[in-house]
PDB file of N, CA and C in Angstrom:
ATOM      1  N   MET A   1       0.849  -1.173   0.000  1.00  0.00           N
ATOM      2  CA  MET A   1       0.000   0.000   0.000  1.00  0.00           C
ATOM      3  C   MET A   1       0.893   1.233   0.000  1.00  0.00           C
ATOM      4  N   THR A   2       0.656   2.136  -0.920  1.00  0.00           N
ATOM      5  CA  THR A   2       1.465   3.340  -1.015  1.00  0.00           C
ATOM      6  C   THR A   2       0.777   4.481  -0.284  1.00  0.00           C
ATOM      7  N   THR A   3       1.586   5.323   0.345  1.00  0.00           N
ATOM      8  CA  THR A   3       1.083   6.481   1.059  1.00  0.00           C
ATOM      9  C   THR A   3       1.151   7.676   0.124  1.00  0.00           C
ATOM     10  N   PRO A   4       0.041   8.427  -0.007  1.00  0.00           N
ATOM     11  CA  PRO A   4       0.078   9.591  -0.888  1.00  0.00           C
ATOM     12  C   PRO A   4       1.058  10.626  -0.357  1.00  0.00           C
ATOM     13  N   ILE A   5       1.735  11.296  -1.282  1.00  0.00           N
ATOM     14  CA  ILE A   5       2.679  12.340  -0.905  1.00  0.00           C
ATOM     15  C   ILE A   5       1.891  13.621  -0.671  1.00  0.00           C
ATOM     16  N   LEU A   6       2.058  14.184   0.517  1.00  0.00           N
ATOM     17  CA  LEU A   6       1.342  15.397   0.885  1.00  0.00           C
ATOM     18  C   LEU A   6       2.273  16.600   0.815  1.00  0.00           C
ATOM     19  N   SER A   7       1.695  17.751   0.513  1.00  0.00           N
ATOM     20  CA  SER A   7       2.473  18.980   0.581  1.00  0.00           C
ATOM     21  C   SER A   7       2.725  19.295   2.055  1.00  0.00           C
ATOM     22  N   ARG A   8       3.624  20.203   2.283  1.00  0.00           N
ATOM     23  CA  ARG A   8       3.945  20.600   3.658  1.00  0.00           C
ATOM     24  C   ARG A   8       2.690  21.061   4.395  1.00  0.00           C
ATOM     25  N   SER A   9       1.915  21.939   3.774  1.00  0.00           N
ATOM     26  CA  SER A   9       0.715  22.460   4.446  1.00  0.00           C
ATOM     27  C   SER A   9      -0.335  21.372   4.653  1.00  0.00           C
ATOM     28  N   GLN A  10      -0.475  20.454   3.701  1.00  0.00           N
ATOM     29  CA  GLN A  10      -1.421  19.348   3.866  1.00  0.00           C
ATOM     30  C   GLN A  10      -0.996  18.433   5.019  1.00  0.00           C
ATOM     31  N   ALA A  11       0.300  18.149   5.101  1.00  0.00           N
ATOM     32  CA  ALA A  11       0.813  17.295   6.169  1.00  0.00           C
ATOM     33  C   ALA A  11       0.601  17.944   7.533  1.00  0.00           C
ATOM     34  N   ILE A  12       0.864  19.245   7.603  1.00  0.00           N
ATOM     35  CA  ILE A  12       0.678  19.961   8.868  1.00  0.00           C
ATOM     36  C   ILE A  12      -0.789  19.978   9.257  1.00  0.00           C
ATOM     37  N   GLU A  13      -1.655  20.279   8.317  1.00  0.00           N
ATOM     38  CA  GLU A  13      -3.096  20.305   8.600  1.00  0.00           C
ATOM     39  C   GLU A  13      -3.596  18.938   9.068  1.00  0.00           C
ATOM     40  N   ALA A  14      -3.147  17.871   8.416  1.00  0.00           N
ATOM     41  CA  ALA A  14      -3.561  16.524   8.807  1.00  0.00           C
ATOM     42  C   ALA A  14      -3.082  16.196  10.215  1.00  0.00           C
ATOM     43  N   ALA A  15      -1.856  16.582  10.539  1.00  0.00           N
ATOM     44  CA  ALA A  15      -1.313  16.318  11.879  1.00  0.00           C
ATOM     45  C   ALA A  15      -2.082  17.100  12.940  1.00  0.00           C
ATOM     46  N   ILE A  16      -2.312  18.372  12.689  1.00  0.00           N
ATOM     47  CA  ILE A  16      -3.026  19.206  13.662  1.00  0.00           C
ATOM     48  C   ILE A  16      -4.457  18.720  13.820  1.00  0.00           C
ATOM     49  N   GLU A  17      -5.115  18.375  12.733  1.00  0.00           N
ATOM     50  CA  GLU A  17      -6.486  17.879  12.804  1.00  0.00           C
ATOM     51  C   GLU A  17      -6.565  16.598  13.626  1.00  0.00           C
ATOM     52  N   SER A  18      -5.603  15.701  13.443  1.00  0.00           N
ATOM     53  CA  SER A  18      -5.636  14.452  14.200  1.00  0.00           C
ATOM     54  C   SER A  18      -5.343  14.695  15.680  1.00  0.00           C
ATOM     55  N   LEU A  19      -4.525  15.687  15.991  1.00  0.00           N
ATOM     56  CA  LEU A  19      -4.228  16.002  17.387  1.00  0.00           C
ATOM     57  C   LEU A  19      -5.336  16.806  18.046  1.00  0.00           C
ATOM     58  N   ASP A  20      -6.119  17.522  17.259  1.00  0.00           N
ATOM     59  CA  ASP A  20      -7.163  18.393  17.776  1.00  0.00           C
ATOM     60  C   ASP A  20      -8.552  17.760  17.648  1.00  0.00           C
ATOM     61  N   GLY A  21      -8.610  16.481  17.363  1.00  0.00           N
ATOM     62  CA  GLY A  21      -9.885  15.823  17.126  1.00  0.00           C
ATOM     63  C   GLY A  21     -10.591  15.365  18.390  1.00  0.00           C
ATOM     64  N   THR A  22     -11.673  14.663  18.191  1.00  0.00           N
ATOM     65  CA  THR A  22     -12.506  14.205  19.298  1.00  0.00           C
ATOM     66  C   THR A  22     -11.782  13.234  20.221  1.00  0.00           C
ATOM     67  N   PHE A  23     -10.804  12.511  19.703  1.00  0.00           N
ATOM     68  CA  PHE A  23     -10.090  11.521  20.506  1.00  0.00           C
ATOM     69  C   PHE A  23      -9.417  12.168  21.707  1.00  0.00           C
ATOM     70  N   PHE A  24      -8.571  13.159  21.468  1.00  0.00           N
ATOM     71  CA  PHE A  24      -7.870  13.809  22.573  1.00  0.00           C
ATOM     72  C   PHE A  24      -8.792  14.701  23.382  1.00  0.00           C
ATOM     73  N   LYS A  25      -9.775  15.306  22.747  1.00  0.00           N
ATOM     74  CA  LYS A  25     -10.733  16.126  23.490  1.00  0.00           C
ATOM     75  C   LYS A  25     -11.501  15.272  24.491  1.00  0.00           C
ATOM     76  N   ALA A  26     -11.798  14.040  24.107  1.00  0.00           N
ATOM     77  CA  ALA A  26     -12.502  13.135  25.015  1.00  0.00           C
ATOM     78  C   ALA A  26     -11.644  12.751  26.203  1.00  0.00           C
ATOM     79  N   LEU A  27     -10.341  12.768  26.031  1.00  0.00           N
ATOM     80  CA  LEU A  27      -9.423  12.338  27.089  1.00  0.00           C
ATOM     81  C   LEU A  27      -8.833  13.488  27.898  1.00  0.00           C
ATOM     82  N   CYS A  28      -9.254  14.707  27.631  1.00  0.00           N
ATOM     83  CA  CYS A  28      -8.645  15.858  28.298  1.00  0.00           C
ATOM     84  C   CYS A  28      -9.241  16.153  29.673  1.00  0.00           C
ATOM     85  N   GLU A  29     -10.310  15.506  30.042  1.00  0.00           N
ATOM     86  CA  GLU A  29     -10.941  15.759  31.334  1.00  0.00           C
ATOM     87  C   GLU A  29     -10.626  14.607  32.296  1.00  0.00           C
ATOM     88  N   PRO A  30     -10.009  14.905  33.429  1.00  0.00           N
ATOM     89  CA  PRO A  30      -9.612  13.849  34.362  1.00  0.00           C
ATOM     90  C   PRO A  30     -10.749  12.930  34.811  1.00  0.00           C
ATOM     91  N   SER A  31     -11.935  13.479  35.015  1.00  0.00           N
ATOM     92  CA  SER A  31     -13.039  12.611  35.446  1.00  0.00           C
ATOM     93  C   SER A  31     -13.463  11.657  34.336  1.00  0.00           C
ATOM     94  N   ARG A  32     -13.302  12.074  33.086  1.00  0.00           N
ATOM     95  CA  ARG A  32     -13.621  11.177  31.970  1.00  0.00           C
ATOM     96  C   ARG A  32     -12.564  10.081  31.853  1.00  0.00           C
ATOM     97  N   VAL A  33     -11.325  10.425  32.110  1.00  0.00           N
ATOM     98  CA  VAL A  33     -10.266   9.420  32.121  1.00  0.00           C
ATOM     99  C   VAL A  33     -10.523   8.414  33.241  1.00  0.00           C
ATOM    100  N   ALA A  34     -11.036   8.889  34.363  1.00  0.00           N
ATOM    101  CA  ALA A  34     -11.383   7.980  35.465  1.00  0.00           C
ATOM    102  C   ALA A  34     -12.508   7.023  35.050  1.00  0.00           C
ATOM    103  N   VAL A  35     -13.468   7.516  34.284  1.00  0.00           N
ATOM    104  CA  VAL A  35     -14.535   6.651  33.769  1.00  0.00           C
ATOM    105  C   VAL A  35     -13.938   5.607  32.834  1.00  0.00           C
ATOM    106  N   LEU A  36     -13.049   6.036  31.958  1.00  0.00           N
ATOM    107  CA  LEU A  36     -12.394   5.099  31.041  1.00  0.00           C
ATOM    108  C   LEU A  36     -11.608   4.039  31.816  1.00  0.00           C
ATOM    109  N   LYS A  37     -10.891   4.473  32.819  1.00  0.00           N
ATOM    110  CA  LYS A  37     -10.118   3.532  33.641  1.00  0.00           C
ATOM    111  C   LYS A  37     -11.045   2.505  34.283  1.00  0.00           C
ATOM    112  N   ARG A  38     -12.173   2.967  34.784  1.00  0.00           N
ATOM    113  CA  ARG A  38     -13.148   2.065  35.420  1.00  0.00           C
ATOM    114  C   ARG A  38     -13.671   1.051  34.407  1.00  0.00           C
ATOM    115  N   VAL A  39     -13.970   1.486  33.194  1.00  0.00           N
ATOM    116  CA  VAL A  39     -14.432   0.569  32.153  1.00  0.00           C
ATOM    117  C   VAL A  39     -13.336  -0.450  31.835  1.00  0.00           C
ATOM    118  N   MET A  40     -12.107   0.018  31.768  1.00  0.00           N
ATOM    119  CA  MET A  40     -10.987  -0.895  31.507  1.00  0.00           C
ATOM    120  C   MET A  40     -10.863  -1.942  32.618  1.00  0.00           C
ATOM    121  N   GLN A  41     -11.050  -1.523  33.856  1.00  0.00           N
ATOM    122  CA  GLN A  41     -10.948  -2.445  34.985  1.00  0.00           C
ATOM    123  C   GLN A  41     -12.083  -3.462  35.002  1.00  0.00           C
ATOM    124  N   LEU A  42     -13.274  -3.015  34.664  1.00  0.00           N
ATOM    125  CA  LEU A  42     -14.441  -3.896  34.724  1.00  0.00           C
ATOM    126  C   LEU A  42     -14.598  -4.787  33.497  1.00  0.00           C
ATOM    127  N   GLY A  43     -14.071  -4.327  32.363  1.00  0.00           N
ATOM    128  CA  GLY A  43     -14.369  -5.029  31.117  1.00  0.00           C
ATOM    129  C   GLY A  43     -15.735  -4.574  30.643  1.00  0.00           C
ATOM    130  N   ARG A  44     -16.580  -5.484  30.262  1.00  0.00           N
ATOM    131  CA  ARG A  44     -17.942  -5.160  29.803  1.00  0.00           C
ATOM    132  C   ARG A  44     -18.814  -4.870  31.021  1.00  0.00           C
ATOM    133  N   ALA A  45     -19.397  -3.658  31.060  1.00  0.00           N
ATOM    134  CA  ALA A  45     -20.210  -3.267  32.217  1.00  0.00           C
ATOM    135  C   ALA A  45     -21.268  -2.248  31.815  1.00  0.00           C
ATOM    136  N   ASP A  46     -22.331  -2.190  32.604  1.00  0.00           N
ATOM    137  CA  ASP A  46     -23.368  -1.183  32.349  1.00  0.00           C
ATOM    138  C   ASP A  46     -23.064   0.080  33.159  1.00  0.00           C
ATOM    139  N   VAL A  47     -23.844   1.109  32.932  1.00  0.00           N
ATOM    140  CA  VAL A  47     -23.602   2.405  33.553  1.00  0.00           C
ATOM    141  C   VAL A  47     -23.636   2.303  35.077  1.00  0.00           C
ATOM    142  N   SER A  48     -24.554   1.530  35.613  1.00  0.00           N
ATOM    143  CA  SER A  48     -24.663   1.401  37.070  1.00  0.00           C
ATOM    144  C   SER A  48     -23.407   0.800  37.673  1.00  0.00           C
ATOM    145  N   GLU A  49     -22.881  -0.237  37.057  1.00  0.00           N
ATOM    146  CA  GLU A  49     -21.648  -0.863  37.541  1.00  0.00           C
ATOM    147  C   GLU A  49     -20.476   0.113  37.464  1.00  0.00           C
ATOM    148  N   ILE A  50     -20.397   0.833  36.353  1.00  0.00           N
ATOM    149  CA  ILE A  50     -19.298   1.785  36.164  1.00  0.00           C
ATOM    150  C   ILE A  50     -19.401   2.908  37.188  1.00  0.00           C
ATOM    151  N   ALA A  51     -20.588   3.463  37.367  1.00  0.00           N
ATOM    152  CA  ALA A  51     -20.795   4.583  38.283  1.00  0.00           C
ATOM    153  C   ALA A  51     -20.597   4.177  39.742  1.00  0.00           C
ATOM    154  N   ALA A  52     -20.807   2.913  40.065  1.00  0.00           N
ATOM    155  CA  ALA A  52     -20.698   2.456  41.453  1.00  0.00           C
ATOM    156  C   ALA A  52     -19.314   2.701  42.038  1.00  0.00           C
ATOM    157  N   GLY A  53     -18.293   2.722  41.224  1.00  0.00           N
ATOM    158  CA  GLY A  53     -16.945   2.928  41.734  1.00  0.00           C
ATOM    159  C   GLY A  53     -16.409   4.332  41.539  1.00  0.00           C
ATOM    160  N   LEU A  54     -17.290   5.259  41.207  1.00  0.00           N
ATOM    161  CA  LEU A  54     -16.851   6.631  40.919  1.00  0.00           C
ATOM    162  C   LEU A  54     -17.613   7.639  41.764  1.00  0.00           C
ATOM    163  N   PRO A  55     -17.016   8.808  42.014  1.00  0.00           N
ATOM    164  CA  PRO A  55     -17.688   9.812  42.844  1.00  0.00           C
ATOM    165  C   PRO A  55     -18.802  10.581  42.117  1.00  0.00           C
ATOM    166  N   GLN A  56     -18.879  10.482  40.800  1.00  0.00           N
ATOM    167  CA  GLN A  56     -19.887  11.228  40.051  1.00  0.00           C
ATOM    168  C   GLN A  56     -21.245  10.501  40.091  1.00  0.00           C
ATOM    169  N   GLU A  57     -22.275  11.289  39.872  1.00  0.00           N
ATOM    170  CA  GLU A  57     -23.623  10.733  39.736  1.00  0.00           C
ATOM    171  C   GLU A  57     -23.693   9.869  38.484  1.00  0.00           C
ATOM    172  N   ARG A  58     -24.625   8.941  38.470  1.00  0.00           N
ATOM    173  CA  ARG A  58     -24.807   8.040  37.334  1.00  0.00           C
ATOM    174  C   ARG A  58     -25.048   8.819  36.042  1.00  0.00           C
ATOM    175  N   SER A  59     -25.814   9.907  36.108  1.00  0.00           N
ATOM    176  CA  SER A  59     -26.110  10.692  34.902  1.00  0.00           C
ATOM    177  C   SER A  59     -24.848  11.352  34.343  1.00  0.00           C
ATOM    178  N   VAL A  60     -23.956  11.778  35.211  1.00  0.00           N
ATOM    179  CA  VAL A  60     -22.697  12.389  34.771  1.00  0.00           C
ATOM    180  C   VAL A  60     -21.811  11.331  34.125  1.00  0.00           C
ATOM    181  N   VAL A  61     -21.749  10.160  34.741  1.00  0.00           N
ATOM    182  CA  VAL A  61     -20.978   9.044  34.168  1.00  0.00           C
ATOM    183  C   VAL A  61     -21.540   8.683  32.800  1.00  0.00           C
ATOM    184  N   SER A  62     -22.845   8.682  32.680  1.00  0.00           N
ATOM    185  CA  SER A  62     -23.487   8.376  31.398  1.00  0.00           C
ATOM    186  C   SER A  62     -23.088   9.384  30.323  1.00  0.00           C
ATOM    187  N   ARG A  63     -23.023  10.662  30.680  1.00  0.00           N
ATOM    188  CA  ARG A  63     -22.595  11.690  29.715  1.00  0.00           C
ATOM    189  C   ARG A  63     -21.134  11.482  29.319  1.00  0.00           C
ATOM    190  N   HIS A  64     -20.299  11.138  30.287  1.00  0.00           N
ATOM    191  CA  HIS A  64     -18.896  10.865  29.973  1.00  0.00           C
ATOM    192  C   HIS A  64     -18.778   9.661  29.031  1.00  0.00           C
ATOM    193  N   LEU A  65     -19.560   8.647  29.284  1.00  0.00           N
ATOM    194  CA  LEU A  65     -19.537   7.468  28.411  1.00  0.00           C
ATOM    195  C   LEU A  65     -19.971   7.827  26.991  1.00  0.00           C
ATOM    196  N   GLN A  66     -20.932   8.731  26.869  1.00  0.00           N
ATOM    197  CA  GLN A  66     -21.379   9.152  25.543  1.00  0.00           C
ATOM    198  C   GLN A  66     -20.265   9.863  24.788  1.00  0.00           C
ATOM    199  N   VAL A  67     -19.505  10.700  25.480  1.00  0.00           N
ATOM    200  CA  VAL A  67     -18.370  11.390  24.850  1.00  0.00           C
ATOM    201  C   VAL A  67     -17.327  10.362  24.408  1.00  0.00           C
ATOM    202  N   LEU A  68     -17.037   9.396  25.268  1.00  0.00           N
ATOM    203  CA  LEU A  68     -16.069   8.346  24.922  1.00  0.00           C
ATOM    204  C   LEU A  68     -16.580   7.498  23.758  1.00  0.00           C
ATOM    205  N   LEU A  69     -17.867   7.270  23.717  1.00  0.00           N
ATOM    206  CA  LEU A  69     -18.481   6.524  22.613  1.00  0.00           C
ATOM    207  C   LEU A  69     -18.376   7.312  21.309  1.00  0.00           C
ATOM    208  N   ASP A  70     -18.684   8.598  21.361  1.00  0.00           N
ATOM    209  CA  ASP A  70     -18.595   9.449  20.170  1.00  0.00           C
ATOM    210  C   ASP A  70     -17.167   9.522  19.627  1.00  0.00           C
ATOM    211  N   ALA A  71     -16.187   9.419  20.527  1.00  0.00           N
ATOM    212  CA  ALA A  71     -14.776   9.459  20.133  1.00  0.00           C
ATOM    213  C   ALA A  71     -14.250   8.074  19.743  1.00  0.00           C
ATOM    214  N   GLN A  72     -15.113   7.089  19.762  1.00  0.00           N
ATOM    215  CA  GLN A  72     -14.771   5.699  19.414  1.00  0.00           C
ATOM    216  C   GLN A  72     -13.685   5.123  20.326  1.00  0.00           C
ATOM    217  N   ILE A  73     -13.758   5.490  21.592  1.00  0.00           N
ATOM    218  CA  ILE A  73     -12.846   4.957  22.594  1.00  0.00           C
ATOM    219  C   ILE A  73     -13.494   3.762  23.287  1.00  0.00           C
ATOM    220  N   VAL A  74     -14.800   3.835  23.469  1.00  0.00           N
ATOM    221  CA  VAL A  74     -15.566   2.693  23.972  1.00  0.00           C
ATOM    222  C   VAL A  74     -16.621   2.347  22.938  1.00  0.00           C
ATOM    223  N   ARG A  75     -17.159   1.155  23.068  1.00  0.00           N
ATOM    224  CA  ARG A  75     -18.300   0.768  22.228  1.00  0.00           C
ATOM    225  C   ARG A  75     -19.425   0.319  23.150  1.00  0.00           C
ATOM    226  N   ALA A  76     -20.632   0.401  22.661  1.00  0.00           N
ATOM    227  CA  ALA A  76     -21.806   0.065  23.454  1.00  0.00           C
ATOM    228  C   ALA A  76     -22.611  -1.007  22.741  1.00  0.00           C
ATOM    229  N   THR A  77     -23.129  -1.938  23.536  1.00  0.00           N
ATOM    230  CA  THR A  77     -24.036  -2.952  23.015  1.00  0.00           C
ATOM    231  C   THR A  77     -25.265  -3.001  23.909  1.00  0.00           C
ATOM    232  N   ARG A  78     -26.401  -3.112  23.291  1.00  0.00           N
ATOM    233  CA  ARG A  78     -27.663  -3.137  24.028  1.00  0.00           C
ATOM    234  C   ARG A  78     -28.086  -4.589  24.222  1.00  0.00           C
ATOM    235  N   SER A  79     -28.523  -4.874  25.427  1.00  0.00           N
ATOM    236  CA  SER A  79     -29.084  -6.175  25.755  1.00  0.00           C
ATOM    237  C   SER A  79     -30.360  -5.909  26.531  1.00  0.00           C
ATOM    238  N   GLY A  80     -31.481  -6.013  25.852  1.00  0.00           N
ATOM    239  CA  GLY A  80     -32.755  -5.647  26.470  1.00  0.00           C
ATOM    240  C   GLY A  80     -32.777  -4.161  26.743  1.00  0.00           C
ATOM    241  N   ARG A  81     -32.998  -3.796  27.999  1.00  0.00           N
ATOM    242  CA  ARG A  81     -33.050  -2.374  28.368  1.00  0.00           C
ATOM    243  C   ARG A  81     -31.697  -1.844  28.814  1.00  0.00           C
ATOM    244  N   GLN A  82     -30.726  -2.730  28.973  1.00  0.00           N
ATOM    245  CA  GLN A  82     -29.407  -2.313  29.436  1.00  0.00           C
ATOM    246  C   GLN A  82     -28.462  -2.064  28.275  1.00  0.00           C
ATOM    247  N   VAL A  83     -27.549  -1.116  28.496  1.00  0.00           N
ATOM    248  CA  VAL A  83     -26.478  -0.843  27.545  1.00  0.00           C
ATOM    249  C   VAL A  83     -25.174  -1.170  28.258  1.00  0.00           C
ATOM    250  N   PHE A  84     -24.371  -2.001  27.614  1.00  0.00           N
ATOM    251  CA  PHE A  84     -23.087  -2.388  28.175  1.00  0.00           C
ATOM    252  C   PHE A  84     -21.965  -1.702  27.402  1.00  0.00           C
ATOM    253  N   TYR A  85     -20.979  -1.220  28.137  1.00  0.00           N
ATOM    254  CA  TYR A  85     -19.847  -0.517  27.548  1.00  0.00           C
ATOM    255  C   TYR A  85     -18.587  -1.332  27.735  1.00  0.00           C
ATOM    256  N   GLU A  86     -17.698  -1.223  26.764  1.00  0.00           N
ATOM    257  CA  GLU A  86     -16.374  -1.820  26.862  1.00  0.00           C
ATOM    258  C   GLU A  86     -15.417  -1.001  26.007  1.00  0.00           C
ATOM    259  N   VAL A  87     -14.150  -1.086  26.349  1.00  0.00           N
ATOM    260  CA  VAL A  87     -13.139  -0.342  25.605  1.00  0.00           C
ATOM    261  C   VAL A  87     -13.017  -0.933  24.207  1.00  0.00           C
ATOM    262  N   ASP A  88     -12.919  -0.063  23.203  1.00  0.00           N
ATOM    263  CA  ASP A  88     -12.746  -0.493  21.816  1.00  0.00           C
ATOM    264  C   ASP A  88     -11.262  -0.414  21.469  1.00  0.00           C
ATOM    265  N   GLY A  89     -10.526  -1.423  21.907  1.00  0.00           N
ATOM    266  CA  GLY A  89      -9.076  -1.439  21.746  1.00  0.00           C
ATOM    267  C   GLY A  89      -8.621  -1.299  20.309  1.00  0.00           C
ATOM    268  N   ALA A  90      -9.270  -2.012  19.398  1.00  0.00           N
ATOM    269  CA  ALA A  90      -8.874  -1.949  17.990  1.00  0.00           C
ATOM    270  C   ALA A  90      -9.040  -0.538  17.429  1.00  0.00           C
ATOM    271  N   ALA A  91     -10.115   0.123  17.795  1.00  0.00           N
ATOM    272  CA  ALA A  91     -10.348   1.490  17.312  1.00  0.00           C
ATOM    273  C   ALA A  91      -9.323   2.458  17.892  1.00  0.00           C
ATOM    274  N   ILE A  92      -8.957   2.273  19.155  1.00  0.00           N
ATOM    275  CA  ILE A  92      -7.954   3.139  19.783  1.00  0.00           C
ATOM    276  C   ILE A  92      -6.605   2.957  19.103  1.00  0.00           C
ATOM    277  N   VAL A  93      -6.204   1.722  18.875  1.00  0.00           N
ATOM    278  CA  VAL A  93      -4.928   1.450  18.217  1.00  0.00           C
ATOM    279  C   VAL A  93      -4.922   2.053  16.813  1.00  0.00           C
ATOM    280  N   ALA A  94      -6.002   1.874  16.067  1.00  0.00           N
ATOM    281  CA  ALA A  94      -6.081   2.429  14.714  1.00  0.00           C
ATOM    282  C   ALA A  94      -5.973   3.951  14.747  1.00  0.00           C
ATOM    283  N   ARG A  95      -6.660   4.584  15.699  1.00  0.00           N
ATOM    284  CA  ARG A  95      -6.605   6.044  15.813  1.00  0.00           C
ATOM    285  C   ARG A  95      -5.194   6.510  16.143  1.00  0.00           C
ATOM    286  N   LEU A  96      -4.538   5.844  17.087  1.00  0.00           N
ATOM    287  CA  LEU A  96      -3.174   6.235  17.455  1.00  0.00           C
ATOM    288  C   LEU A  96      -2.199   6.029  16.296  1.00  0.00           C
ATOM    289  N   GLU A  97      -2.387   4.965  15.526  1.00  0.00           N
ATOM    290  CA  GLU A  97      -1.524   4.743  14.361  1.00  0.00           C
ATOM    291  C   GLU A  97      -1.713   5.838  13.326  1.00  0.00           C
ATOM    292  N   THR A  98      -2.949   6.282  13.132  1.00  0.00           N
ATOM    293  CA  THR A  98      -3.226   7.375  12.199  1.00  0.00           C
ATOM    294  C   THR A  98      -2.584   8.669  12.686  1.00  0.00           C
ATOM    295  N   ILE A  99      -2.719   8.946  13.981  1.00  0.00           N
ATOM    296  CA  ILE A  99      -2.106  10.148  14.556  1.00  0.00           C
ATOM    297  C   ILE A  99      -0.594  10.098  14.368  1.00  0.00           C
ATOM    298  N   LEU A 100       0.001   8.957  14.633  1.00  0.00           N
ATOM    299  CA  LEU A 100       1.444   8.798  14.472  1.00  0.00           C
ATOM    300  C   LEU A 100       1.867   8.998  13.020  1.00  0.00           C
ATOM    301  N   GLN A 101       1.108   8.437  12.101  1.00  0.00           N
ATOM    302  CA  GLN A 101       1.418   8.581  10.675  1.00  0.00           C
ATOM    303  C   GLN A 101       1.363  10.056  10.256  1.00  0.00           C
ATOM    304  N   HIS A 102       0.310  10.761  10.668  1.00  0.00           N
ATOM    305  CA  HIS A 102       0.171  12.184  10.317  1.00  0.00           C
ATOM    306  C   HIS A 102       1.292  13.011  10.944  1.00  0.00           C
ATOM    307  N   THR A 103       1.624  12.700  12.173  1.00  0.00           N
ATOM    308  CA  THR A 103       2.670  13.449  12.866  1.00  0.00           C
ATOM    309  C   THR A 103       4.032  13.204  12.227  1.00  0.00           C
ATOM    310  N   ARG A 104       4.311  11.965  11.856  1.00  0.00           N
ATOM    311  CA  ARG A 104       5.580  11.665  11.177  1.00  0.00           C
ATOM    312  C   ARG A 104       5.679  12.404   9.849  1.00  0.00           C
ATOM    313  N   SER A 105       4.603  12.432   9.088  1.00  0.00           N
ATOM    314  CA  SER A 105       4.600  13.137   7.795  1.00  0.00           C
ATOM    315  C   SER A 105       4.892  14.614   7.986  1.00  0.00           C
ATOM    316  N   ALA A 106       4.240  15.216   8.968  1.00  0.00           N
ATOM    317  CA  ALA A 106       4.442  16.643   9.213  1.00  0.00           C
ATOM    318  C   ALA A 106       5.859  16.899   9.735  1.00  0.00           C
ATOM    319  N   ALA A 107       6.346  16.055  10.630  1.00  0.00           N
ATOM    320  CA  ALA A 107       7.680  16.243  11.220  1.00  0.00           C
ATOM    321  C   ALA A 107       8.756  16.165  10.160  1.00  0.00           C
ATOM    322  N   ALA A 108       8.588  15.266   9.202  1.00  0.00           N
ATOM    323  CA  ALA A 108       9.575  15.113   8.144  1.00  0.00           C
ATOM    324  C   ALA A 108       9.677  16.366   7.268  1.00  0.00           C
ATOM    325  N   LEU A 109       8.577  17.140   7.203  1.00  0.00           N
ATOM    326  CA  LEU A 109       8.546  18.308   6.333  1.00  0.00           C
ATOM    327  C   LEU A 109       8.778  19.640   7.044  1.00  0.00           C
ATOM    328  N   CYS A 110       8.569  19.659   8.348  1.00  0.00           N
ATOM    329  CA  CYS A 110       8.606  20.987   8.998  1.00  0.00           C
ATOM    330  C   CYS A 110       9.438  21.094  10.257  1.00  0.00           C
ATOM    331  N   CYS A 111       9.935  19.995  10.758  1.00  0.00           N
ATOM    332  CA  CYS A 111      10.609  20.049  12.056  1.00  0.00           C
ATOM    333  C   CYS A 111      12.083  19.681  11.912  1.00  0.00           C
ATOM    334  N   PRO A 112      12.970  20.445  12.555  1.00  0.00           N
ATOM    335  CA  PRO A 112      14.396  20.077  12.542  1.00  0.00           C
ATOM    336  C   PRO A 112      14.576  18.673  13.096  1.00  0.00           C
ATOM    337  N   GLY A 113      15.361  17.872  12.442  1.00  0.00           N
ATOM    338  CA  GLY A 113      15.558  16.494  12.870  1.00  0.00           C
ATOM    339  C   GLY A 113      14.578  15.545  12.208  1.00  0.00           C
ATOM    340  N   GLY A 114      13.454  16.080  11.691  1.00  0.00           N
ATOM    341  CA  GLY A 114      12.485  15.275  10.958  1.00  0.00           C
ATOM    342  C   GLY A 114      11.951  14.097  11.711  1.00  0.00           C
ATOM    343  N   ALA A 115      11.578  13.059  10.952  1.00  0.00           N
ATOM    344  CA  ALA A 115      10.938  11.876  11.546  1.00  0.00           C
ATOM    345  C   ALA A 115      11.952  10.898  12.015  1.00  0.00           C
TER     346      ALA A 115
END
């Protein structure tokens, strides 16, 4: 698979966009990182189980989970009336690889020492 050659400005824009996207924005709040950590510890769990080990109200935990879901950090599956959350490891790895690829492209074109 060949990688398209980007201009300097295209490479920089791609790198900045990947760093400024929903992925890092979802992880910038410590309480949301705590929710993610709890999901990682529990594995597959519903909102009540996740909230039970956290100081936030269940509704706040639910909002944090929605942000993590929108950023494709966790995935949700419905079973009857319950929604179960788990970390989406494959999606996280793919996102980090994309960020790394964009950053390497930009570094090679604009930063002393390059990639």
